[in-house]
Amino acid sequence: MSINPALLVERTRQRCEQDFEFFVRYFFKAVKGSKFVFSDHHHQICAALMDVYHGRTTHLIINMPPRYSKTEIAVKLFTAWCYVKNPRCEFIHLSYADILALDNSEAIKSVIKSEEFAQLWPELSIKANKDSKKAWGTEQGGVFYATSAGGPITGFGAGKIDDFTNGNGFGGAIIIDDPLKPDDAYSDPKRQGVNRRWDETIKSRFNSTKTPCIVIMQRIHEDDFCGYLLKDEEYKFRHLVLEAIVDEGTDRERALWPAKHSLEALHAMRSKNSYMFAAQMQQR
């Protein structure tokens, strides 16, 4: 049975636009060359991001262990998918190191510049005269700016002014991925410096009161950026906590991502450094 190539492209395009998880699978394979195998926590992350996209959640914190695909899904592929849905999106992306934020920026562009992406959305492209790692834009007026959590963001804003307010839907977001590295968690000046940035700089970068903020990080200190945001009475963050050992200490214990760490491996990790494990793996 022969398949009409044009029909296949159209069906794939529709499926990618309608189903973010399908988009993740399709473009992870296209860019990385291997399958993305979903675990339960990946579905939870995607569902939380869809709540943000559809305006059901404005401020979101996801706490989860390191190297559990948080950046791949919530920064790289979510941003690329949002440009498919609205090429005029305006994003600001922050991470603890400039090089990490810039690498994520390049990864998003690699999706948009891929042959597979161009086949599905030939009209969506990156502006030729605005294509640096730190700042780039789409031909349709979208903007992406990446820097460290302590870097300058003056002159840039996130979200279209009329997003959600006038029924225009999602128009971009501020996405913060690990704003402080674990080694700096014990330094009061460094930890407090990142926390102060929220009030002194980051808050002023929202173009609309409806512009979402997504924070993805591991817990590293009780007064880390997550702890600081949860105490902010001005912004009410939805808090999704994904623990490496689900139902720890009960007879229902199981590994969050068995393909990454078995329950036995997690127990061994905990026995070596219980403080690190409680924070970075269990989000306490």
Protein backbone atom coordinates (compact mmCIF):
# COMPACT_ATOMS: atom_id res chain seq x y z
CA MET A 1 0.00 0.00 0.00
CA SER A 2 1.54 3.32 -1.07
CA ILE A 3 1.31 6.43 1.10
CA ASN A 4 0.82 9.84 -0.42
CA PRO A 5 3.95 11.81 0.69
CA ALA A 6 2.08 15.12 0.82
CA LEU A 7 -0.66 13.57 2.94
CA LEU A 8 1.93 12.04 5.28
CA VAL A 9 3.57 15.43 5.78
CA GLU A 10 0.21 17.06 6.45
CA ARG A 11 -0.84 14.38 8.95
CA THR A 12 2.53 14.60 10.72
CA ARG A 13 2.28 18.39 10.89
CA GLN A 14 -1.21 18.21 12.37
CA ARG A 15 -0.19 15.58 14.91
CA CYS A 16 2.84 17.62 16.01
CA GLU A 17 0.74 20.74 16.45
CA GLN A 18 -2.03 18.99 18.36
CA ASP A 19 0.03 16.68 20.55
CA PHE A 20 3.10 18.07 22.34
CA GLU A 21 4.25 14.60 23.41
CA PHE A 22 4.24 13.47 19.79
CA PHE A 23 6.26 16.59 18.91
CA VAL A 24 8.80 15.63 21.61
CA ARG A 25 9.14 12.12 20.25
CA TYR A 26 9.32 13.23 16.62
CA PHE A 27 11.93 15.96 17.01
CA PHE A 28 14.05 14.25 19.64
CA LYS A 29 14.49 11.43 17.12
CA ALA A 30 15.05 13.92 14.29
CA VAL A 31 17.76 15.88 16.12
CA LYS A 32 19.31 13.23 18.39
CA GLY A 33 18.87 10.17 16.18
CA SER A 34 17.37 8.03 18.95
CA LYS A 35 13.93 7.46 20.43
CA PHE A 36 12.67 9.41 23.42
CA VAL A 37 11.25 6.83 25.79
CA PHE A 38 8.62 8.36 28.04
CA SER A 39 8.36 7.55 31.72
CA ASP A 40 5.54 8.63 34.06
CA HIS A 41 7.30 11.82 35.11
CA HIS A 42 7.73 12.92 31.50
CA HIS A 43 3.96 12.76 31.05
CA GLN A 44 3.51 14.84 34.20
CA ILE A 45 5.93 17.49 32.94
CA CYS A 46 4.19 17.68 29.56
CA ALA A 47 0.76 17.96 31.21
CA ALA A 48 1.98 20.80 33.45
CA LEU A 49 3.47 22.63 30.45
CA MET A 50 0.21 22.28 28.55
CA ASP A 51 -1.58 23.87 31.49
CA VAL A 52 0.79 26.81 31.14
CA TYR A 53 0.31 26.98 27.37
CA HIS A 54 -3.49 26.98 27.67
CA GLY A 55 -3.51 29.60 30.43
CA ARG A 56 -4.65 27.32 33.23
CA THR A 57 -1.36 27.89 35.08
CA THR A 58 0.55 31.17 35.01
CA HIS A 59 3.41 30.46 37.39
CA LEU A 60 4.91 26.98 37.57
CA ILE A 61 7.77 25.42 39.54
CA ILE A 62 8.92 21.90 38.68
CA ASN A 63 11.33 20.31 41.16
CA MET A 64 12.99 17.12 39.96
CA PRO A 65 16.33 15.29 40.04
CA PRO A 66 19.16 16.36 37.74
CA ARG A 67 19.53 14.64 34.35
CA TYR A 68 15.89 13.53 34.25
CA SER A 69 15.11 15.30 30.93
CA LYS A 70 13.79 18.53 32.41
CA THR A 71 15.78 20.81 30.10
CA GLU A 72 15.13 18.70 27.01
CA ILE A 73 11.37 18.85 27.46
CA ALA A 74 10.64 22.08 29.34
CA VAL A 75 13.19 24.37 27.68
CA LYS A 76 14.31 23.08 24.29
CA LEU A 77 11.33 21.22 22.85
CA PHE A 78 8.57 23.18 24.60
CA THR A 79 9.95 26.47 23.28
CA ALA A 80 10.29 25.10 19.73
CA TRP A 81 6.70 23.79 19.88
CA CYS A 82 5.43 27.16 21.11
CA TYR A 83 6.96 28.86 18.06
CA VAL A 84 5.05 26.37 15.90
CA LYS A 85 1.84 27.36 17.65
CA ASN A 86 2.65 31.08 17.68
CA PRO A 87 5.73 32.27 15.75
CA ARG A 88 5.43 35.67 17.47
CA CYS A 89 6.26 34.31 20.94
CA GLU A 90 8.71 36.28 23.09
CA PHE A 91 10.88 34.24 25.47
CA ILE A 92 13.53 35.02 28.05
CA HIS A 93 15.59 32.03 29.20
CA LEU A 94 17.83 32.10 32.27
CA SER A 95 20.20 29.51 33.74
CA TYR A 96 23.00 29.65 36.30
CA ALA A 97 25.72 29.89 33.65
CA ASP A 98 25.74 31.86 30.44
CA ILE A 99 27.15 28.90 28.51
CA LEU A 100 24.24 26.65 29.56
CA ALA A 101 21.62 29.21 28.54
CA LEU A 102 23.38 29.74 25.21
CA ASP A 103 23.66 25.99 24.59
CA ASN A 104 19.91 25.66 25.16
CA SER A 105 19.33 28.56 22.78
CA GLU A 106 21.37 26.81 20.09
CA ALA A 107 19.51 23.54 20.71
CA ILE A 108 16.15 25.24 20.12
CA LYS A 109 17.46 26.77 16.91
CA SER A 110 18.77 23.38 15.77
CA VAL A 111 15.21 22.04 15.96
CA ILE A 112 13.78 24.97 14.01
CA LYS A 113 16.57 24.78 11.42
CA SER A 114 16.28 21.00 10.94
CA GLU A 115 15.14 19.55 7.62
CA GLU A 116 12.24 17.83 9.34
CA PHE A 117 11.00 21.11 10.82
CA ALA A 118 11.32 22.95 7.49
CA GLN A 119 9.36 20.19 5.77
CA LEU A 120 6.45 20.63 8.17
CA TRP A 121 6.54 24.41 8.59
CA PRO A 122 8.44 25.92 5.64
CA GLU A 123 7.10 29.39 6.40
CA LEU A 124 8.59 29.49 9.93
CA SER A 125 12.24 30.48 9.98
CA ILE A 126 14.82 32.37 12.00
CA LYS A 127 15.56 35.91 10.95
CA ALA A 128 18.83 36.01 9.02
CA ASN A 129 20.06 39.28 10.54
CA LYS A 130 19.08 38.27 14.07
CA ASP A 131 20.63 34.87 14.67
CA SER A 132 23.12 34.91 17.54
CA LYS A 133 23.29 32.47 20.42
CA LYS A 134 22.20 35.10 22.92
CA ALA A 135 19.40 36.75 20.97
CA TRP A 136 17.50 35.64 17.90
CA GLY A 137 14.09 36.03 16.37
CA THR A 138 11.66 34.58 13.87
CA GLU A 139 10.64 36.19 10.60
CA GLN A 140 7.15 36.53 12.08
CA GLY A 141 8.33 38.73 14.96
CA GLY A 142 9.15 36.20 17.66
CA VAL A 143 12.05 36.84 20.05
CA PHE A 144 14.30 34.57 22.14
CA TYR A 145 16.88 35.91 24.59
CA ALA A 146 19.19 33.72 26.70
CA THR A 147 21.59 34.66 29.47
CA SER A 148 22.77 33.65 32.93
CA ALA A 149 20.48 34.23 35.93
CA GLY A 150 22.76 37.09 36.93
CA GLY A 151 23.22 38.46 33.43
CA PRO A 152 21.77 41.65 31.93
CA ILE A 153 18.24 41.46 30.51
CA THR A 154 17.52 45.17 30.18
CA GLY A 155 15.74 45.91 26.92
CA PHE A 156 14.11 42.51 26.64
CA GLY A 157 10.66 41.37 27.72
CA ALA A 158 8.75 38.09 27.70
CA GLY A 159 5.25 37.45 26.41
CA LYS A 160 3.10 39.49 24.07
CA ILE A 161 1.35 42.34 25.83
CA ASP A 162 -2.03 41.03 24.72
CA ASP A 163 -1.41 37.34 25.49
CA PHE A 164 -4.45 35.67 27.12
CA THR A 165 -5.81 39.07 28.23
CA ASN A 166 -7.59 39.67 24.93
CA GLY A 167 -8.08 36.04 24.09
CA ASN A 168 -5.01 35.79 21.87
CA GLY A 169 -3.53 32.85 23.76
CA PHE A 170 0.04 31.99 24.64
CA GLY A 171 2.62 34.61 23.64
CA GLY A 172 5.84 33.48 25.33
CA ALA A 173 7.27 33.10 28.82
CA ILE A 174 10.22 33.49 31.14
CA ILE A 175 11.83 30.06 31.55
CA ILE A 176 14.36 29.67 34.35
CA ASP A 177 16.34 26.42 34.45
CA ASP A 178 18.59 25.80 37.50
CA PRO A 179 19.34 29.46 38.37
CA LEU A 180 21.99 28.47 40.94
CA LYS A 181 24.51 25.66 40.66
CA PRO A 182 24.67 23.22 43.57
CA ASP A 183 28.24 24.23 44.52
CA ASP A 184 27.02 27.77 45.21
CA ALA A 185 24.08 26.73 47.39
CA TYR A 186 26.12 27.07 50.58
CA SER A 187 27.28 30.59 49.73
CA ASP A 188 24.87 33.08 51.29
CA PRO A 189 25.95 35.98 49.01
CA LYS A 190 25.59 33.93 45.81
CA ARG A 191 22.28 32.37 46.83
CA GLN A 192 20.83 35.66 48.00
CA GLY A 193 22.12 37.43 44.90
CA VAL A 194 20.13 35.12 42.63
CA ASN A 195 17.06 35.48 44.84
CA ARG A 196 17.27 39.28 44.76
CA ARG A 197 17.24 39.21 40.97
CA TRP A 198 13.61 38.09 41.08
CA ASP A 199 12.45 41.32 42.71
CA GLU A 200 15.06 43.67 41.31
CA THR A 201 15.12 42.58 37.66
CA ILE A 202 13.16 39.52 36.54
CA LYS A 203 9.71 40.72 37.66
CA SER A 204 10.01 43.80 35.47
CA ARG A 205 10.57 41.68 32.34
CA PHE A 206 6.98 40.38 32.14
CA ASN A 207 5.24 42.17 29.26
CA SER A 208 1.84 41.21 30.65
CA THR A 209 0.38 40.13 33.97
CA LYS A 210 -0.64 36.96 32.14
CA THR A 211 2.87 36.17 30.88
CA PRO A 212 3.86 32.80 32.40
CA CYS A 213 6.97 32.02 34.38
CA ILE A 214 8.31 28.45 34.39
CA VAL A 215 11.03 27.49 36.87
CA ILE A 216 12.64 24.04 36.59
CA MET A 217 15.25 23.11 39.16
CA GLN A 218 16.51 20.65 41.73
CA ARG A 219 16.31 21.68 45.39
CA ILE A 220 19.71 22.54 46.79
CA HIS A 221 18.97 24.59 49.92
CA GLU A 222 15.88 25.46 51.95
CA ASP A 223 16.44 29.13 51.01
CA ASP A 224 17.23 28.50 47.35
CA PHE A 225 15.39 30.23 44.48
CA CYS A 226 12.48 27.82 44.71
CA GLY A 227 12.12 28.36 48.45
CA TYR A 228 12.22 32.11 47.85
CA LEU A 229 9.50 32.02 45.18
CA LEU A 230 7.19 29.85 47.27
CA LYS A 231 7.26 32.56 49.95
CA ASP A 232 6.43 35.34 47.48
CA GLU A 233 2.87 36.40 48.30
CA GLU A 234 2.59 38.43 45.08
CA TYR A 235 2.97 35.39 42.81
CA LYS A 236 1.27 32.07 43.51
CA PHE A 237 3.32 29.29 41.97
CA ARG A 238 1.90 25.90 41.19
CA HIS A 239 4.42 23.43 42.60
CA LEU A 240 5.06 20.10 40.90
CA VAL A 241 7.45 17.92 42.91
CA LEU A 242 8.94 14.82 41.28
CA GLU A 243 10.94 12.66 43.70
CA ALA A 244 13.50 10.10 42.55
CA ILE A 245 12.00 7.59 45.00
CA VAL A 246 8.21 7.77 44.83
CA ASP A 247 6.44 7.04 48.12
CA GLU A 248 9.78 6.85 49.91
CA GLY A 249 9.66 4.99 53.22
CA THR A 250 6.48 3.07 52.45
CA ASP A 251 5.81 -0.40 51.08
CA ARG A 252 4.90 1.27 47.77
CA GLU A 253 8.41 2.61 47.11
CA ARG A 254 9.37 2.73 43.45
CA ALA A 255 11.89 4.50 41.26
CA LEU A 256 10.60 7.55 39.40
CA TRP A 257 12.59 6.63 36.28
CA PRO A 258 13.73 2.98 36.45
CA ALA A 259 15.53 3.30 33.12
CA LYS A 260 17.75 5.96 34.71
CA HIS A 261 18.12 4.73 38.30
CA SER A 262 16.84 1.51 39.81
CA LEU A 263 15.47 1.57 43.34
CA GLU A 264 18.59 -0.28 44.50
CA ALA A 265 20.85 2.34 42.89
CA LEU A 266 18.89 5.13 44.54
CA HIS A 267 19.17 3.46 47.95
CA ALA A 268 22.95 3.16 47.45
CA MET A 269 23.13 6.84 46.46
CA ARG A 270 21.17 7.82 49.57
CA SER A 271 23.45 5.83 51.86
CA LYS A 272 26.51 7.72 50.54
CA ASN A 273 25.18 11.23 51.07
CA SER A 274 21.77 11.52 52.70
CA TYR A 275 21.76 15.35 52.70
CA MET A 276 22.45 15.60 48.96
CA PHE A 277 19.93 12.87 48.25
CA ALA A 278 17.17 14.49 50.31
CA ALA A 279 17.64 17.77 48.49
CA GLN A 280 18.63 17.09 44.90
CA MET A 281 16.91 13.72 44.43
CA GLN A 282 13.92 13.96 46.77
CA GLN A 283 13.39 17.75 46.57
CA ARG A 284 13.30 18.28 50.32
